[in-house]
Amino acid sequence: MALFSKPIKTLDDLFVHTLQDIYYAENQITKALPKMIGKVTNTQLKLAFELHLQETKNQIARLEKVFQMHGQPVKGVTCAAMDGIISEANEVMGDSAEAEVLDAAALMAAQAVEHYEITRYGTLIAFAKQLGRNDCASVLQETLDEEKATDRKLTEIAESRVNKLAA
């Protein structure tokens, strides 16, 4: 159990904890993306990151709505996984001397973020449905759909141009 964290005894407790985890993660992403936008050189990738930054801000608002719908205070709990993904991204991008390789590294890091988010939102939706909270599940589904679309777009950018230039 994390320090200062409420014990997780029920599926509802786990649902709320996971909401808090992804809320923290999304807020960390809004801090990391502007730095990545500033470092990448590929125009398509820069635009994709800019779009996703705006989507992430909307996703945070949706999470706040789910907290309210579920009668819980809006708060985050430290997400060591997201902190680790962002730390690794900064390290790999910092080690990339060539602009094209840096773009590939940033794209790799962004997809790691997307895959983490996809797992969390999928789990939250399943928990919400099990708890009889289809209203929360439908709000979370909007975000899951966006995360999957972003991942597909990043794959397209990687395969069509970025990876080829980095090679």
N, C-alpha and C. Protein backbone atom coordinates (compact mmCIF):
# COMPACT_ATOMS: atom_id res chain seq x y z
N MET A 1 0.84 -1.18 0.00
CA MET A 1 0.00 0.00 0.00
C MET A 1 0.88 1.24 0.00
N ALA A 2 0.49 2.21 -0.81
CA ALA A 2 1.24 3.46 -0.90
C ALA A 2 1.03 4.29 0.36
N LEU A 3 2.02 5.07 0.69
CA LEU A 3 1.93 5.96 1.84
C LEU A 3 0.76 6.93 1.65
N PHE A 4 -0.03 7.14 2.67
CA PHE A 4 -1.17 8.05 2.67
C PHE A 4 -2.29 7.61 1.72
N SER A 5 -2.29 6.38 1.30
CA SER A 5 -3.32 5.89 0.41
C SER A 5 -4.34 5.09 1.21
N LYS A 6 -5.58 5.21 0.78
CA LYS A 6 -6.65 4.46 1.43
C LYS A 6 -6.51 2.97 1.08
N PRO A 7 -6.72 2.09 2.04
CA PRO A 7 -6.64 0.65 1.72
C PRO A 7 -7.64 0.27 0.62
N ILE A 8 -7.24 -0.62 -0.24
CA ILE A 8 -8.10 -1.08 -1.33
C ILE A 8 -8.71 -2.41 -0.91
N LYS A 9 -10.00 -2.35 -0.52
CA LYS A 9 -10.67 -3.53 0.00
C LYS A 9 -11.75 -4.06 -0.95
N THR A 10 -12.26 -3.18 -1.82
CA THR A 10 -13.37 -3.57 -2.69
C THR A 10 -13.06 -3.19 -4.14
N LEU A 11 -13.86 -3.71 -5.05
CA LEU A 11 -13.69 -3.32 -6.46
C LEU A 11 -13.94 -1.82 -6.63
N ASP A 12 -14.85 -1.28 -5.85
CA ASP A 12 -15.10 0.16 -5.91
C ASP A 12 -13.85 0.93 -5.47
N ASP A 13 -13.19 0.48 -4.41
CA ASP A 13 -11.95 1.11 -3.97
C ASP A 13 -10.90 1.05 -5.09
N LEU A 14 -10.82 -0.09 -5.75
CA LEU A 14 -9.84 -0.27 -6.83
C LEU A 14 -10.19 0.62 -8.02
N PHE A 15 -11.47 0.75 -8.31
CA PHE A 15 -11.92 1.64 -9.38
C PHE A 15 -11.47 3.08 -9.09
N VAL A 16 -11.73 3.55 -7.87
CA VAL A 16 -11.36 4.92 -7.50
C VAL A 16 -9.84 5.08 -7.52
N HIS A 17 -9.11 4.11 -7.00
CA HIS A 17 -7.65 4.19 -7.01
C HIS A 17 -7.12 4.26 -8.45
N THR A 18 -7.69 3.48 -9.34
CA THR A 18 -7.26 3.48 -10.73
C THR A 18 -7.61 4.80 -11.41
N LEU A 19 -8.76 5.37 -11.07
CA LEU A 19 -9.10 6.71 -11.56
C LEU A 19 -8.05 7.72 -11.10
N GLN A 20 -7.65 7.63 -9.84
CA GLN A 20 -6.65 8.54 -9.30
C GLN A 20 -5.31 8.35 -9.98
N ASP A 21 -4.96 7.11 -10.28
CA ASP A 21 -3.72 6.78 -10.97
C ASP A 21 -3.68 7.40 -12.36
N ILE A 22 -4.75 7.20 -13.14
CA ILE A 22 -4.74 7.72 -14.51
C ILE A 22 -4.91 9.23 -14.51
N TYR A 23 -5.56 9.78 -13.51
CA TYR A 23 -5.67 11.24 -13.40
C TYR A 23 -4.28 11.86 -13.21
N TYR A 24 -3.50 11.29 -12.33
CA TYR A 24 -2.12 11.73 -12.14
C TYR A 24 -1.34 11.57 -13.45
N ALA A 25 -1.48 10.40 -14.07
CA ALA A 25 -0.74 10.12 -15.31
C ALA A 25 -1.08 11.13 -16.40
N GLU A 26 -2.36 11.40 -16.59
CA GLU A 26 -2.76 12.36 -17.62
C GLU A 26 -2.19 13.76 -17.34
N ASN A 27 -2.16 14.15 -16.08
CA ASN A 27 -1.59 15.44 -15.74
C ASN A 27 -0.09 15.48 -16.00
N GLN A 28 0.60 14.37 -15.77
CA GLN A 28 2.03 14.29 -16.07
C GLN A 28 2.26 14.38 -17.58
N ILE A 29 1.36 13.80 -18.34
CA ILE A 29 1.47 13.83 -19.80
C ILE A 29 1.35 15.27 -20.31
N THR A 30 0.45 16.06 -19.69
CA THR A 30 0.31 17.45 -20.13
C THR A 30 1.56 18.27 -19.84
N LYS A 31 2.38 17.82 -18.90
CA LYS A 31 3.65 18.49 -18.62
C LYS A 31 4.75 18.01 -19.58
N ALA A 32 4.71 16.74 -19.95
CA ALA A 32 5.76 16.15 -20.79
C ALA A 32 5.59 16.48 -22.27
N LEU A 33 4.35 16.50 -22.75
CA LEU A 33 4.13 16.71 -24.19
C LEU A 33 4.69 18.03 -24.73
N PRO A 34 4.53 19.16 -24.05
CA PRO A 34 5.11 20.39 -24.60
C PRO A 34 6.62 20.30 -24.79
N LYS A 35 7.30 19.61 -23.89
CA LYS A 35 8.75 19.42 -24.03
C LYS A 35 9.06 18.57 -25.26
N MET A 36 8.26 17.54 -25.47
CA MET A 36 8.47 16.68 -26.64
C MET A 36 8.17 17.44 -27.92
N ILE A 37 7.12 18.25 -27.90
CA ILE A 37 6.76 19.06 -29.07
C ILE A 37 7.92 19.98 -29.43
N GLY A 38 8.57 20.53 -28.42
CA GLY A 38 9.68 21.42 -28.66
C GLY A 38 10.92 20.74 -29.20
N LYS A 39 11.04 19.44 -29.01
CA LYS A 39 12.25 18.72 -29.43
C LYS A 39 12.13 18.04 -30.79
N VAL A 40 10.92 17.60 -31.16
CA VAL A 40 10.80 16.84 -32.41
C VAL A 40 10.89 17.75 -33.63
N THR A 41 11.35 17.19 -34.74
CA THR A 41 11.49 17.97 -35.96
C THR A 41 10.49 17.57 -37.04
N ASN A 42 9.96 16.36 -36.97
CA ASN A 42 9.01 15.89 -37.97
C ASN A 42 7.69 16.64 -37.80
N THR A 43 7.23 17.30 -38.84
CA THR A 43 6.02 18.12 -38.79
C THR A 43 4.79 17.30 -38.43
N GLN A 44 4.63 16.13 -39.05
CA GLN A 44 3.47 15.28 -38.74
C GLN A 44 3.46 14.89 -37.27
N LEU A 45 4.62 14.53 -36.76
CA LEU A 45 4.73 14.11 -35.37
C LEU A 45 4.43 15.27 -34.43
N LYS A 46 4.98 16.42 -34.74
CA LYS A 46 4.73 17.63 -33.93
C LYS A 46 3.23 17.94 -33.88
N LEU A 47 2.56 17.87 -35.03
CA LEU A 47 1.12 18.13 -35.09
C LEU A 47 0.33 17.08 -34.30
N ALA A 48 0.74 15.83 -34.41
CA ALA A 48 0.06 14.76 -33.67
C ALA A 48 0.21 14.98 -32.16
N PHE A 49 1.39 15.39 -31.72
CA PHE A 49 1.60 15.67 -30.30
C PHE A 49 0.78 16.87 -29.85
N GLU A 50 0.71 17.90 -30.68
CA GLU A 50 -0.08 19.09 -30.33
C GLU A 50 -1.57 18.74 -30.20
N LEU A 51 -2.06 17.94 -31.14
CA LEU A 51 -3.45 17.51 -31.08
C LEU A 51 -3.70 16.68 -29.82
N HIS A 52 -2.77 15.78 -29.54
CA HIS A 52 -2.98 14.91 -28.38
C HIS A 52 -2.88 15.68 -27.06
N LEU A 53 -2.12 16.74 -27.04
CA LEU A 53 -2.07 17.57 -25.84
C LEU A 53 -3.46 18.17 -25.57
N GLN A 54 -4.11 18.65 -26.61
CA GLN A 54 -5.47 19.18 -26.44
C GLN A 54 -6.44 18.09 -26.03
N GLU A 55 -6.33 16.91 -26.65
CA GLU A 55 -7.18 15.78 -26.27
C GLU A 55 -6.95 15.40 -24.81
N THR A 56 -5.70 15.41 -24.39
CA THR A 56 -5.38 15.04 -23.00
C THR A 56 -6.04 15.99 -22.02
N LYS A 57 -6.06 17.26 -22.34
CA LYS A 57 -6.73 18.23 -21.47
C LYS A 57 -8.23 17.91 -21.38
N ASN A 58 -8.83 17.52 -22.49
CA ASN A 58 -10.24 17.12 -22.48
C ASN A 58 -10.43 15.82 -21.70
N GLN A 59 -9.47 14.94 -21.79
CA GLN A 59 -9.55 13.67 -21.06
C GLN A 59 -9.48 13.90 -19.56
N ILE A 60 -8.67 14.85 -19.14
CA ILE A 60 -8.61 15.21 -17.73
C ILE A 60 -9.97 15.73 -17.26
N ALA A 61 -10.60 16.55 -18.08
CA ALA A 61 -11.94 17.07 -17.73
C ALA A 61 -12.94 15.92 -17.62
N ARG A 62 -12.83 14.93 -18.51
CA ARG A 62 -13.72 13.76 -18.44
C ARG A 62 -13.49 12.98 -17.16
N LEU A 63 -12.23 12.81 -16.79
CA LEU A 63 -11.93 12.10 -15.53
C LEU A 63 -12.53 12.84 -14.35
N GLU A 64 -12.42 14.16 -14.36
CA GLU A 64 -13.01 14.95 -13.28
C GLU A 64 -14.52 14.74 -13.23
N LYS A 65 -15.13 14.63 -14.39
CA LYS A 65 -16.57 14.36 -14.46
C LYS A 65 -16.89 12.98 -13.87
N VAL A 66 -16.06 11.99 -14.16
CA VAL A 66 -16.30 10.64 -13.62
C VAL A 66 -16.13 10.64 -12.10
N PHE A 67 -15.12 11.33 -11.59
CA PHE A 67 -14.97 11.45 -10.14
C PHE A 67 -16.26 12.01 -9.54
N GLN A 68 -16.78 13.09 -10.13
CA GLN A 68 -17.99 13.72 -9.62
C GLN A 68 -19.19 12.79 -9.73
N MET A 69 -19.33 12.13 -10.87
CA MET A 69 -20.45 11.20 -11.06
C MET A 69 -20.42 10.09 -10.02
N HIS A 70 -19.22 9.70 -9.63
CA HIS A 70 -19.04 8.60 -8.68
C HIS A 70 -18.98 9.09 -7.23
N GLY A 71 -19.17 10.40 -7.04
CA GLY A 71 -19.21 10.95 -5.68
C GLY A 71 -17.87 10.94 -4.98
N GLN A 72 -16.80 11.11 -5.73
CA GLN A 72 -15.45 11.08 -5.17
C GLN A 72 -14.74 12.41 -5.40
N PRO A 73 -13.87 12.79 -4.48
CA PRO A 73 -13.09 14.01 -4.72
C PRO A 73 -12.10 13.78 -5.87
N VAL A 74 -11.85 14.83 -6.61
CA VAL A 74 -10.90 14.76 -7.71
C VAL A 74 -9.50 14.85 -7.13
N LYS A 75 -8.74 13.77 -7.27
CA LYS A 75 -7.35 13.79 -6.82
C LYS A 75 -6.58 12.67 -7.51
N GLY A 76 -5.29 12.87 -7.59
CA GLY A 76 -4.42 11.87 -8.19
C GLY A 76 -3.60 11.17 -7.14
N VAL A 77 -3.13 10.00 -7.50
CA VAL A 77 -2.13 9.29 -6.70
C VAL A 77 -0.95 9.03 -7.62
N THR A 78 0.23 9.10 -7.08
CA THR A 78 1.43 8.92 -7.88
C THR A 78 1.37 7.63 -8.68
N CYS A 79 1.64 7.77 -9.96
CA CYS A 79 1.66 6.63 -10.87
C CYS A 79 3.13 6.36 -11.24
N ALA A 80 3.72 5.41 -10.55
CA ALA A 80 5.13 5.09 -10.79
C ALA A 80 5.36 4.63 -12.22
N ALA A 81 4.39 3.96 -12.80
CA ALA A 81 4.54 3.49 -14.19
C ALA A 81 4.69 4.67 -15.14
N MET A 82 3.81 5.67 -15.02
CA MET A 82 3.89 6.82 -15.92
C MET A 82 5.16 7.63 -15.64
N ASP A 83 5.50 7.78 -14.38
CA ASP A 83 6.75 8.47 -14.06
C ASP A 83 7.93 7.76 -14.72
N GLY A 84 7.92 6.44 -14.70
CA GLY A 84 8.98 5.66 -15.32
C GLY A 84 9.01 5.80 -16.82
N ILE A 85 7.84 5.77 -17.45
CA ILE A 85 7.77 5.92 -18.92
C ILE A 85 8.29 7.29 -19.33
N ILE A 86 7.90 8.33 -18.62
CA ILE A 86 8.34 9.68 -18.95
C ILE A 86 9.84 9.84 -18.68
N SER A 87 10.32 9.27 -17.60
CA SER A 87 11.75 9.33 -17.29
C SER A 87 12.56 8.63 -18.38
N GLU A 88 12.10 7.46 -18.79
CA GLU A 88 12.80 6.74 -19.86
C GLU A 88 12.77 7.54 -21.17
N ALA A 89 11.63 8.15 -21.46
CA ALA A 89 11.51 8.96 -22.68
C ALA A 89 12.53 10.09 -22.67
N ASN A 90 12.64 10.78 -21.54
CA ASN A 90 13.59 11.88 -21.43
C ASN A 90 15.02 11.38 -21.60
N GLU A 91 15.31 10.24 -21.02
CA GLU A 91 16.66 9.67 -21.12
C GLU A 91 16.99 9.28 -22.56
N VAL A 92 16.09 8.56 -23.21
CA VAL A 92 16.34 8.09 -24.58
C VAL A 92 16.42 9.28 -25.54
N MET A 93 15.53 10.24 -25.38
CA MET A 93 15.56 11.41 -26.26
C MET A 93 16.83 12.23 -26.01
N GLY A 94 17.27 12.29 -24.76
CA GLY A 94 18.49 13.01 -24.44
C GLY A 94 19.73 12.35 -25.02
N ASP A 95 19.67 11.03 -25.20
CA ASP A 95 20.80 10.28 -25.76
C ASP A 95 20.80 10.27 -27.28
N SER A 96 19.73 10.77 -27.91
CA SER A 96 19.62 10.74 -29.37
C SER A 96 20.26 11.98 -29.97
N ALA A 97 21.38 11.78 -30.65
CA ALA A 97 22.15 12.90 -31.20
C ALA A 97 21.59 13.39 -32.53
N GLU A 98 21.01 12.51 -33.31
CA GLU A 98 20.47 12.87 -34.63
C GLU A 98 18.99 13.20 -34.51
N ALA A 99 18.55 14.24 -35.22
CA ALA A 99 17.16 14.70 -35.16
C ALA A 99 16.18 13.59 -35.55
N GLU A 100 16.52 12.84 -36.59
CA GLU A 100 15.62 11.79 -37.06
C GLU A 100 15.49 10.67 -36.03
N VAL A 101 16.59 10.37 -35.34
CA VAL A 101 16.56 9.33 -34.31
C VAL A 101 15.80 9.84 -33.09
N LEU A 102 15.97 11.12 -32.77
CA LEU A 102 15.22 11.71 -31.67
C LEU A 102 13.71 11.64 -31.96
N ASP A 103 13.31 11.90 -33.19
CA ASP A 103 11.89 11.80 -33.55
C ASP A 103 11.39 10.37 -33.33
N ALA A 104 12.19 9.39 -33.73
CA ALA A 104 11.80 7.99 -33.54
C ALA A 104 11.72 7.66 -32.05
N ALA A 105 12.65 8.18 -31.26
CA ALA A 105 12.64 7.95 -29.82
C ALA A 105 11.41 8.58 -29.17
N ALA A 106 11.07 9.79 -29.59
CA ALA A 106 9.89 10.47 -29.04
C ALA A 106 8.63 9.71 -29.40
N LEU A 107 8.58 9.22 -30.61
CA LEU A 107 7.42 8.45 -31.06
C LEU A 107 7.30 7.16 -30.27
N MET A 108 8.43 6.48 -30.05
CA MET A 108 8.44 5.26 -29.25
C MET A 108 7.91 5.54 -27.85
N ALA A 109 8.38 6.62 -27.25
CA ALA A 109 7.94 6.98 -25.90
C ALA A 109 6.45 7.31 -25.87
N ALA A 110 5.98 8.03 -26.89
CA ALA A 110 4.56 8.39 -26.95
C ALA A 110 3.70 7.14 -27.06
N GLN A 111 4.16 6.16 -27.81
CA GLN A 111 3.37 4.94 -27.93
C GLN A 111 3.37 4.14 -26.63
N ALA A 112 4.47 4.19 -25.87
CA ALA A 112 4.48 3.54 -24.56
C ALA A 112 3.43 4.18 -23.66
N VAL A 113 3.33 5.50 -23.73
CA VAL A 113 2.32 6.23 -22.96
C VAL A 113 0.92 5.79 -23.41
N GLU A 114 0.69 5.76 -24.71
CA GLU A 114 -0.63 5.38 -25.23
C GLU A 114 -1.01 3.97 -24.79
N HIS A 115 -0.08 3.06 -24.85
CA HIS A 115 -0.39 1.67 -24.48
C HIS A 115 -0.73 1.57 -23.00
N TYR A 116 -0.03 2.33 -22.16
CA TYR A 116 -0.37 2.35 -20.74
C TYR A 116 -1.78 2.89 -20.55
N GLU A 117 -2.07 3.99 -21.22
CA GLU A 117 -3.40 4.60 -21.08
C GLU A 117 -4.50 3.65 -21.57
N ILE A 118 -4.26 2.98 -22.67
CA ILE A 118 -5.25 2.04 -23.21
C ILE A 118 -5.55 0.95 -22.19
N THR A 119 -4.52 0.42 -21.52
CA THR A 119 -4.77 -0.63 -20.52
C THR A 119 -5.57 -0.08 -19.35
N ARG A 120 -5.22 1.12 -18.90
CA ARG A 120 -5.92 1.69 -17.75
C ARG A 120 -7.38 1.99 -18.07
N TYR A 121 -7.64 2.61 -19.21
CA TYR A 121 -9.02 2.95 -19.54
C TYR A 121 -9.85 1.69 -19.80
N GLY A 122 -9.27 0.70 -20.43
CA GLY A 122 -9.99 -0.56 -20.64
C GLY A 122 -10.38 -1.19 -19.31
N THR A 123 -9.45 -1.18 -18.37
CA THR A 123 -9.72 -1.74 -17.03
C THR A 123 -10.78 -0.92 -16.31
N LEU A 124 -10.68 0.40 -16.37
CA LEU A 124 -11.67 1.25 -15.71
C LEU A 124 -13.07 1.01 -16.26
N ILE A 125 -13.17 0.85 -17.56
CA ILE A 125 -14.48 0.59 -18.17
C ILE A 125 -15.05 -0.73 -17.67
N ALA A 126 -14.21 -1.76 -17.62
CA ALA A 126 -14.67 -3.06 -17.12
C ALA A 126 -15.11 -2.97 -15.66
N PHE A 127 -14.33 -2.26 -14.84
CA PHE A 127 -14.70 -2.08 -13.44
C PHE A 127 -16.02 -1.32 -13.33
N ALA A 128 -16.15 -0.24 -14.08
CA ALA A 128 -17.36 0.58 -14.02
C ALA A 128 -18.60 -0.25 -14.37
N LYS A 129 -18.49 -1.04 -15.43
CA LYS A 129 -19.62 -1.88 -15.82
C LYS A 129 -19.96 -2.89 -14.73
N GLN A 130 -18.94 -3.50 -14.15
CA GLN A 130 -19.18 -4.47 -13.08
C GLN A 130 -19.84 -3.82 -11.87
N LEU A 131 -19.50 -2.57 -11.63
CA LEU A 131 -20.08 -1.83 -10.50
C LEU A 131 -21.45 -1.23 -10.83
N GLY A 132 -21.95 -1.51 -12.04
CA GLY A 132 -23.25 -0.97 -12.44
C GLY A 132 -23.19 0.50 -12.81
N ARG A 133 -22.00 0.99 -13.15
CA ARG A 133 -21.81 2.40 -13.49
C ARG A 133 -21.58 2.55 -14.99
N ASN A 134 -22.59 2.18 -15.76
CA ASN A 134 -22.49 2.32 -17.21
C ASN A 134 -22.35 3.78 -17.62
N ASP A 135 -22.87 4.68 -16.80
CA ASP A 135 -22.71 6.11 -17.08
C ASP A 135 -21.23 6.50 -17.05
N CYS A 136 -20.51 6.03 -16.06
CA CYS A 136 -19.06 6.29 -15.98
C CYS A 136 -18.34 5.58 -17.12
N ALA A 137 -18.74 4.35 -17.41
CA ALA A 137 -18.10 3.58 -18.48
C ALA A 137 -18.22 4.29 -19.82
N SER A 138 -19.37 4.89 -20.09
CA SER A 138 -19.53 5.55 -21.39
C SER A 138 -18.64 6.79 -21.51
N VAL A 139 -18.46 7.51 -20.42
CA VAL A 139 -17.57 8.68 -20.44
C VAL A 139 -16.12 8.21 -20.66
N LEU A 140 -15.73 7.16 -19.96
CA LEU A 140 -14.38 6.62 -20.10
C LEU A 140 -14.14 6.03 -21.48
N GLN A 141 -15.19 5.49 -22.09
CA GLN A 141 -15.07 4.91 -23.43
C GLN A 141 -14.67 5.95 -24.47
N GLU A 142 -15.17 7.18 -24.31
CA GLU A 142 -14.78 8.25 -25.23
C GLU A 142 -13.26 8.42 -25.23
N THR A 143 -12.68 8.40 -24.04
CA THR A 143 -11.24 8.56 -23.93
C THR A 143 -10.50 7.35 -24.48
N LEU A 144 -10.98 6.16 -24.18
CA LEU A 144 -10.33 4.95 -24.71
C LEU A 144 -10.31 4.99 -26.24
N ASP A 145 -11.41 5.41 -26.84
CA ASP A 145 -11.47 5.51 -28.30
C ASP A 145 -10.43 6.49 -28.83
N GLU A 146 -10.27 7.63 -28.14
CA GLU A 146 -9.26 8.61 -28.55
C GLU A 146 -7.85 8.05 -28.41
N GLU A 147 -7.60 7.35 -27.32
CA GLU A 147 -6.26 6.79 -27.09
C GLU A 147 -5.90 5.77 -28.18
N LYS A 148 -6.86 4.95 -28.54
CA LYS A 148 -6.61 3.96 -29.59
C LYS A 148 -6.37 4.64 -30.94
N ALA A 149 -7.13 5.69 -31.21
CA ALA A 149 -6.95 6.43 -32.46
C ALA A 149 -5.58 7.10 -32.50
N THR A 150 -5.15 7.65 -31.38
CA THR A 150 -3.82 8.27 -31.31
C THR A 150 -2.74 7.23 -31.55
N ASP A 151 -2.89 6.07 -30.95
CA ASP A 151 -1.90 5.01 -31.14
C ASP A 151 -1.82 4.61 -32.62
N ARG A 152 -2.97 4.47 -33.27
CA ARG A 152 -2.97 4.13 -34.70
C ARG A 152 -2.29 5.21 -35.52
N LYS A 153 -2.57 6.47 -35.20
CA LYS A 153 -1.96 7.59 -35.92
C LYS A 153 -0.44 7.61 -35.72
N LEU A 154 0.01 7.36 -34.52
CA LEU A 154 1.45 7.32 -34.26
C LEU A 154 2.12 6.17 -35.01
N THR A 155 1.45 5.03 -35.08
CA THR A 155 1.99 3.91 -35.85
C THR A 155 2.11 4.28 -37.32
N GLU A 156 1.10 4.95 -37.84
CA GLU A 156 1.13 5.38 -39.24
C GLU A 156 2.29 6.34 -39.49
N ILE A 157 2.48 7.29 -38.60
CA ILE A 157 3.58 8.25 -38.74
C ILE A 157 4.93 7.52 -38.66
N ALA A 158 5.05 6.59 -37.75
CA ALA A 158 6.30 5.84 -37.60
C ALA A 158 6.61 5.04 -38.86
N GLU A 159 5.62 4.31 -39.35
CA GLU A 159 5.84 3.40 -40.48
C GLU A 159 5.98 4.14 -41.80
N SER A 160 5.30 5.26 -41.95
CA SER A 160 5.32 5.96 -43.23
C SER A 160 6.55 6.85 -43.41
N ARG A 161 7.12 7.34 -42.30
CA ARG A 161 8.19 8.32 -42.47
C ARG A 161 9.26 8.29 -41.40
N VAL A 162 8.89 8.41 -40.14
CA VAL A 162 9.86 8.64 -39.07
C VAL A 162 10.89 7.52 -38.97
N ASN A 163 10.44 6.28 -38.94
CA ASN A 163 11.37 5.16 -38.81
C ASN A 163 12.31 5.05 -40.02
N LYS A 164 11.77 5.35 -41.19
CA LYS A 164 12.60 5.30 -42.41
C LYS A 164 13.71 6.35 -42.36
N LEU A 165 13.36 7.54 -41.91
CA LEU A 165 14.37 8.61 -41.81
C LEU A 165 15.40 8.29 -40.75
N ALA A 166 14.97 7.67 -39.66
CA ALA A 166 15.90 7.33 -38.59
C ALA A 166 16.87 6.21 -38.99
N ALA A 167 16.42 5.36 -39.92
CA ALA A 167 17.27 4.25 -40.37
C ALA A 167 18.39 4.79 -41.23
